């Protein structure tokens, strides 16, 4: 018998065993009674190295992958957990994956892609993927903050050549479709953050806004979302975070992340778009310097779990509705 739209199944990976991932995951899941609906033992599968089993056994379904006491490289243990979670998601056994932080050099040393987004895309067979940073607000009426990174983990010197018309169009459409299907926004308002200072001031500081952005925006005309841009980086985030736009597409990692983390650190959630399942993650790293001290703040992990449940529930509900009546196609 199929599960109802609210009966979401999660896989939680613990990340690098030497970082704060196991701690923030344990603290976030311990707050499960506060979620809506509340988390229960049979709705969460925790996946991590054997040395973490003691923190989760008796409360959650723990699935060990080795590492720690087994002598496995920490990057290999983290990578194996991600692999197993993806297998569960592709098999339909879980609706969403929540990943604790990994150490990119550790993953690379173990033979994996040096980052969750690249690894998830490759192992799930997704044709494209997008990295969306979200802060859905604290329930007091503050506007959500959402920033899509058009390029992610590449050197700054390669950004200008990488931000072309095809990339802007595909990433904007990926974002727009997700905002419609998973967030329920009928006509999302999306701003394209300019690449150059002052959006180049009519070509004084570069030509990308004329040669790349204008053709991209023209190609997006007629899509079921409203696109504005190019908007200078020094104003676009203020405008978006005050509610004028539903999301911003940033041309490169640090211009988007610097603004987002300044405004939303501790509440931010990383969502990978374009996958056949929901994936979220906290907006911080492994924090090796405080690991094992019991002082890590789980707030971002709590929000990652909360958003995974919400998005997966919305996707389940949409799927159930689609099975009863055809929905309008998304371009």
Protein backbone atom coordinates (compact mmCIF):
# COMPACT_ATOMS: atom_id res chain seq x y z
CA UNK A 1 0.00 0.00 0.00
CA UNK A 2 1.54 3.33 -1.03
CA UNK A 3 2.49 5.78 1.69
CA UNK A 4 0.38 8.87 2.14
CA UNK A 5 1.67 12.31 1.06
CA UNK A 6 2.88 13.20 4.57
CA UNK A 7 4.61 9.93 5.34
CA UNK A 8 8.04 11.01 4.16
CA UNK A 9 11.01 8.67 4.42
CA UNK A 10 14.46 10.25 4.95
CA UNK A 11 18.02 9.00 4.61
CA UNK A 12 20.51 10.99 6.69
CA UNK A 13 24.22 10.60 5.91
CA UNK A 14 26.69 11.54 8.63
CA UNK A 15 29.44 13.07 6.47
CA UNK A 16 33.09 12.97 7.42
CA UNK A 17 33.42 11.01 10.69
CA UNK A 18 36.09 13.41 11.93
CA UNK A 19 33.87 16.48 11.57
CA UNK A 20 30.76 17.74 13.29
CA UNK A 21 28.35 15.89 10.97
CA UNK A 22 27.53 13.04 13.37
CA UNK A 23 27.00 15.52 16.21
CA UNK A 24 24.69 17.93 14.38
CA UNK A 25 22.76 15.00 12.88
CA UNK A 26 22.22 13.47 16.31
CA UNK A 27 21.09 16.81 17.75
CA UNK A 28 18.78 17.53 14.81
CA UNK A 29 17.13 14.11 14.97
CA UNK A 30 16.78 14.41 18.74
CA UNK A 31 14.53 17.41 18.03
CA UNK A 32 12.34 15.23 15.82
CA UNK A 33 9.24 15.67 17.97
CA UNK A 34 9.17 19.36 17.00
CA UNK A 35 8.90 18.67 13.28
CA UNK A 36 5.60 18.62 11.40
CA UNK A 37 4.86 15.78 11.14
CA UNK A 38 7.10 14.53 13.97
CA UNK A 39 9.98 12.24 13.01
CA UNK A 40 9.75 8.66 14.15
CA UNK A 41 12.25 5.81 14.15
CA UNK A 42 10.77 4.06 11.13
CA UNK A 43 10.82 7.22 8.97
CA UNK A 44 14.58 7.91 9.16
CA UNK A 45 17.52 5.79 8.04
CA UNK A 46 20.86 7.05 9.38
CA UNK A 47 23.87 6.04 7.29
CA UNK A 48 27.45 6.43 8.51
CA UNK A 49 30.63 4.78 9.74
CA UNK A 50 30.44 2.11 12.41
CA UNK A 51 32.05 4.33 15.05
CA UNK A 52 28.88 6.49 15.04
CA UNK A 53 26.44 3.62 15.59
CA UNK A 54 26.34 4.13 19.34
CA UNK A 55 24.94 7.63 18.97
CA UNK A 56 21.96 6.45 16.94
CA UNK A 57 21.25 2.82 17.85
CA UNK A 58 18.05 2.39 19.81
CA UNK A 59 16.57 5.60 18.41
CA UNK A 60 16.96 5.48 14.64
CA UNK A 61 17.56 2.81 12.03
CA UNK A 62 21.34 2.90 11.70
CA UNK A 63 23.00 1.46 8.61
CA UNK A 64 26.76 1.12 9.01
CA UNK A 65 29.17 1.48 6.09
CA UNK A 66 32.53 0.91 7.76
CA UNK A 67 35.16 3.50 8.63
CA UNK A 68 36.35 4.61 12.03
CA UNK A 69 37.01 1.46 14.01
CA UNK A 70 37.01 -0.53 10.76
CA UNK A 71 40.08 1.43 9.66
CA UNK A 72 38.47 2.83 6.51
CA UNK A 73 39.64 6.19 5.15
CA UNK A 74 37.20 8.88 6.39
CA UNK A 75 36.62 10.13 2.85
CA UNK A 76 35.79 6.59 1.77
CA UNK A 77 33.37 6.16 4.68
CA UNK A 78 31.63 9.44 3.80
CA UNK A 79 31.47 8.51 0.13
CA UNK A 80 30.07 5.05 0.85
CA UNK A 81 27.28 6.59 2.94
CA UNK A 82 26.33 8.90 0.07
CA UNK A 83 26.39 6.00 -2.38
CA UNK A 84 24.08 3.95 -0.17
CA UNK A 85 21.67 6.85 0.34
CA UNK A 86 21.45 7.39 -3.42
CA UNK A 87 20.75 3.69 -3.93
CA UNK A 88 17.88 3.90 -1.44
CA UNK A 89 16.46 7.02 -3.11
CA UNK A 90 16.66 5.60 -6.63
CA UNK A 91 14.96 2.42 -5.41
CA UNK A 92 12.12 4.51 -3.96
CA UNK A 93 12.86 3.41 -0.39
CA UNK A 94 13.41 7.00 0.75
CA UNK A 95 11.94 10.25 -0.55
CA UNK A 96 14.78 12.57 0.42
CA UNK A 97 18.43 12.58 1.42
CA UNK A 98 19.84 14.91 4.08
CA UNK A 99 23.63 15.00 4.01
CA UNK A 100 25.95 16.11 6.79
CA UNK A 101 29.16 17.95 5.77
CA UNK A 102 31.96 16.17 3.95
CA UNK A 103 35.63 17.09 3.54
CA UNK A 104 36.18 17.72 -0.18
CA UNK A 105 39.90 16.79 -0.14
CA UNK A 106 38.97 13.63 1.78
CA UNK A 107 36.38 12.66 -0.82
CA UNK A 108 38.84 13.33 -3.62
CA UNK A 109 41.56 11.31 -1.89
CA UNK A 110 39.12 8.40 -1.69
CA UNK A 111 38.46 8.57 -5.43
CA UNK A 112 35.15 10.43 -5.38
CA UNK A 113 34.03 13.71 -6.92
CA UNK A 114 35.21 16.50 -4.59
CA UNK A 115 31.75 17.65 -3.53
CA UNK A 116 28.22 16.49 -2.83
CA UNK A 117 26.60 18.24 -5.80
CA UNK A 118 28.93 16.73 -8.39
CA UNK A 119 28.75 13.30 -6.77
CA UNK A 120 24.96 13.28 -6.50
CA UNK A 121 24.59 14.33 -10.12
CA UNK A 122 26.97 11.65 -11.39
CA UNK A 123 25.59 8.78 -9.31
CA UNK A 124 21.93 9.59 -9.87
CA UNK A 125 22.28 9.95 -13.62
CA UNK A 126 20.89 13.50 -13.58
CA UNK A 127 21.44 15.35 -16.84
CA UNK A 128 22.00 18.60 -14.95
CA UNK A 129 21.96 19.80 -11.38
CA UNK A 130 21.81 23.09 -9.56
CA UNK A 131 22.96 24.31 -6.15
CA UNK A 132 20.25 26.38 -4.46
CA UNK A 133 20.84 27.98 -1.06
CA UNK A 134 17.63 28.54 0.91
CA UNK A 135 16.46 30.22 4.08
CA UNK A 136 12.70 29.83 4.12
CA UNK A 137 12.25 32.29 6.97
CA UNK A 138 11.55 31.97 10.67
CA UNK A 139 7.77 32.15 10.55
CA UNK A 140 7.61 35.83 11.50
CA UNK A 141 6.89 37.13 8.02
CA UNK A 142 10.46 37.64 6.86
CA UNK A 143 10.96 37.05 3.13
CA UNK A 144 12.58 33.77 2.08
CA UNK A 145 16.15 33.98 0.83
CA UNK A 146 17.04 31.77 -2.14
CA UNK A 147 20.26 31.95 -4.17
CA UNK A 148 21.09 29.64 -7.07
CA UNK A 149 24.77 29.28 -7.96
CA UNK A 150 25.11 29.09 -11.75
CA UNK A 151 28.70 27.86 -11.37
CA UNK A 152 29.89 26.17 -8.24
CA UNK A 153 33.33 24.79 -7.38
CA UNK A 154 35.52 26.24 -10.13
CA UNK A 155 38.40 28.74 -9.96
CA UNK A 156 37.42 32.38 -10.22
CA UNK A 157 39.63 32.72 -13.31
CA UNK A 158 37.33 30.31 -15.16
CA UNK A 159 34.04 31.98 -14.28
CA UNK A 160 33.69 34.48 -17.14
CA UNK A 161 34.23 31.81 -19.79
CA UNK A 162 31.83 29.43 -18.02
CA UNK A 163 28.92 31.84 -17.66
CA UNK A 164 27.41 31.63 -21.13
CA UNK A 165 23.90 31.90 -22.53
CA UNK A 166 23.22 28.16 -22.39
CA UNK A 167 24.23 27.96 -18.71
CA UNK A 168 22.11 30.92 -17.64
CA UNK A 169 19.09 29.61 -19.54
CA UNK A 170 19.38 26.05 -18.25
CA UNK A 171 20.02 27.02 -14.63
CA UNK A 172 17.21 29.58 -14.61
CA UNK A 173 14.78 27.04 -16.06
CA UNK A 174 15.91 24.41 -13.55
CA UNK A 175 15.29 26.91 -10.75
CA UNK A 176 11.97 28.11 -12.13
CA UNK A 177 10.64 24.58 -12.57
CA UNK A 178 11.64 23.65 -9.00
CA UNK A 179 10.03 26.77 -7.54
CA UNK A 180 6.81 25.86 -9.34
CA UNK A 181 6.73 22.14 -8.63
CA UNK A 182 8.31 21.82 -5.17
CA UNK A 183 7.69 25.27 -3.67
CA UNK A 184 4.26 25.76 -5.24
CA UNK A 185 4.97 29.21 -6.72
CA UNK A 186 2.80 29.62 -9.82
CA UNK A 187 4.88 32.37 -11.43
CA UNK A 188 8.28 32.67 -9.68
CA UNK A 189 10.11 36.01 -9.82
CA UNK A 190 13.77 35.35 -10.62
CA UNK A 191 16.60 37.91 -10.76
CA UNK A 192 19.81 37.28 -12.68
CA UNK A 193 22.78 38.73 -10.78
CA UNK A 194 25.19 40.51 -13.13
CA UNK A 195 28.75 39.31 -13.58
CA UNK A 196 30.49 42.69 -13.81
CA UNK A 197 30.43 45.72 -11.48
CA UNK A 198 27.33 47.89 -12.01
CA UNK A 199 26.15 45.33 -14.61
CA UNK A 200 29.02 46.70 -16.75
CA UNK A 201 27.53 50.23 -17.05
CA UNK A 202 26.67 49.80 -20.73
CA UNK A 203 29.90 48.06 -21.59
CA UNK A 204 32.36 50.19 -19.62
CA UNK A 205 33.38 47.28 -17.36
CA UNK A 206 32.87 44.25 -19.59
CA UNK A 207 30.55 42.96 -22.30
CA UNK A 208 29.01 39.85 -20.73
CA UNK A 209 25.81 41.62 -19.72
CA UNK A 210 25.23 42.59 -23.36
CA UNK A 211 26.62 39.50 -25.08
CA UNK A 212 25.49 36.77 -22.65
CA UNK A 213 22.76 38.03 -20.33
CA UNK A 214 20.59 39.85 -22.86
CA UNK A 215 20.32 36.85 -25.23
CA UNK A 216 19.67 34.55 -22.26
CA UNK A 217 16.86 36.75 -20.95
CA UNK A 218 15.38 36.93 -24.45
CA UNK A 219 15.41 33.12 -24.65
CA UNK A 220 13.61 32.93 -21.29
CA UNK A 221 10.86 35.28 -22.42
CA UNK A 222 7.57 33.42 -22.43
CA UNK A 223 8.58 30.89 -19.79
CA UNK A 224 6.18 30.56 -16.82
CA UNK A 225 8.39 32.66 -14.55
CA UNK A 226 9.34 36.33 -14.53
CA UNK A 227 13.05 37.02 -15.13
CA UNK A 228 14.67 40.36 -14.30
CA UNK A 229 18.24 41.33 -15.04
CA UNK A 230 21.05 41.64 -15.24
CA UNK A 231 20.85 43.26 -11.78
CA UNK A 232 24.12 44.50 -10.20
CA UNK A 233 25.43 42.30 -7.40
CA UNK A 234 25.56 45.20 -4.95
CA UNK A 235 21.77 45.64 -5.04
CA UNK A 236 20.20 42.38 -6.21
CA UNK A 237 20.46 40.55 -2.89
CA UNK A 238 19.03 43.45 -0.87
CA UNK A 239 16.09 43.58 -3.25
CA UNK A 240 15.56 39.83 -3.23
CA UNK A 241 15.92 39.38 0.53
CA UNK A 242 13.35 42.13 1.10
CA UNK A 243 10.82 40.17 -0.97
CA UNK A 244 11.02 41.73 -4.46
CA UNK A 245 12.25 38.46 -6.01
CA UNK A 246 11.64 34.84 -5.08
CA UNK A 247 15.20 33.81 -5.97
CA UNK A 248 18.47 35.05 -7.44
CA UNK A 249 20.73 33.28 -9.93
CA UNK A 250 24.31 34.20 -8.99
CA UNK A 251 27.02 33.80 -11.65
CA UNK A 252 29.64 32.30 -9.35
CA UNK A 253 30.00 30.65 -5.95
CA UNK A 254 31.40 33.38 -3.72
CA UNK A 255 29.28 36.31 -4.88
CA UNK A 256 26.19 34.29 -4.03
CA UNK A 257 27.47 32.55 -0.92
CA UNK A 258 28.95 35.67 0.66
CA UNK A 259 25.63 37.48 0.45
CA UNK A 260 23.57 34.47 1.49
CA UNK A 261 25.66 33.44 4.47
CA UNK A 262 25.88 37.00 5.73
CA UNK A 263 22.10 37.15 5.80
CA UNK A 264 21.22 33.57 6.73
CA UNK A 265 24.13 31.82 8.43
CA UNK A 266 22.87 29.16 10.82
CA UNK A 267 19.53 28.82 9.03
CA UNK A 268 20.72 28.22 5.50
CA UNK A 269 20.06 24.99 3.62
CA UNK A 270 21.68 23.70 0.45
CA UNK A 271 19.19 22.06 -1.95
CA UNK A 272 20.37 20.18 -5.03
CA UNK A 273 17.95 20.75 -7.90
CA UNK A 274 17.57 18.48 -10.90
CA UNK A 275 17.83 15.16 -9.05
CA UNK A 276 15.13 12.47 -9.15
CA UNK A 277 14.80 12.88 -5.36
CA UNK A 278 15.02 15.67 -2.78
CA UNK A 279 18.45 16.38 -1.29
CA UNK A 280 19.26 18.98 1.35
CA UNK A 281 22.29 19.78 3.49
CA UNK A 282 23.32 22.36 6.11
CA UNK A 283 25.19 25.43 4.90
CA UNK A 284 28.39 24.82 6.89
CA UNK A 285 31.42 22.56 6.64
CA UNK A 286 33.03 19.88 8.76
CA UNK A 287 34.40 22.28 11.41
CA UNK A 288 37.20 19.91 12.40
CA UNK A 289 38.41 22.47 14.96
CA UNK A 290 35.37 21.97 17.20
CA UNK A 291 34.51 18.36 16.37
CA UNK A 292 34.15 16.09 19.38
CA UNK A 293 33.60 18.91 21.86
CA UNK A 294 29.80 18.79 21.85
CA UNK A 295 29.45 22.49 21.05
CA UNK A 296 28.38 22.36 17.38
CA UNK A 297 25.21 24.32 16.54
CA UNK A 298 22.66 22.02 14.84
CA UNK A 299 20.37 24.84 13.63
CA UNK A 300 21.25 24.53 9.95
CA UNK A 301 20.95 20.72 10.10
CA UNK A 302 17.54 21.08 11.74
CA UNK A 303 16.44 23.35 8.90
CA UNK A 304 17.87 20.90 6.33
CA UNK A 305 15.75 18.09 7.79
CA UNK A 306 12.70 20.35 8.02
CA UNK A 307 12.99 21.52 4.40
CA UNK A 308 13.64 17.98 3.11
CA UNK A 309 10.43 16.83 4.77
CA UNK A 310 8.48 19.76 3.40
CA UNK A 311 9.73 19.43 -0.18
CA UNK A 312 9.42 15.66 -0.27
CA UNK A 313 5.90 15.92 1.14
CA UNK A 314 4.97 18.48 -1.52
CA UNK A 315 6.40 16.26 -4.25
CA UNK A 316 4.45 13.26 -2.92
CA UNK A 317 1.24 15.28 -2.79
CA UNK A 318 1.79 16.56 -6.34
CA UNK A 319 2.42 13.02 -7.55
CA UNK A 320 -0.79 11.83 -5.90
CA UNK A 321 -2.75 14.68 -7.50
CA UNK A 322 -1.20 13.98 -10.89
CA UNK A 323 -2.32 10.36 -10.69
CA UNK A 324 -5.91 11.57 -10.30
CA UNK A 325 -5.93 14.40 -12.84
CA UNK A 326 -3.42 15.61 -15.46
CA UNK A 327 -1.42 18.70 -14.50
CA UNK A 328 -0.38 21.51 -16.82
CA UNK A 329 3.10 20.85 -18.23
CA UNK A 330 6.08 22.95 -17.16
CA UNK A 331 8.13 24.35 -20.04
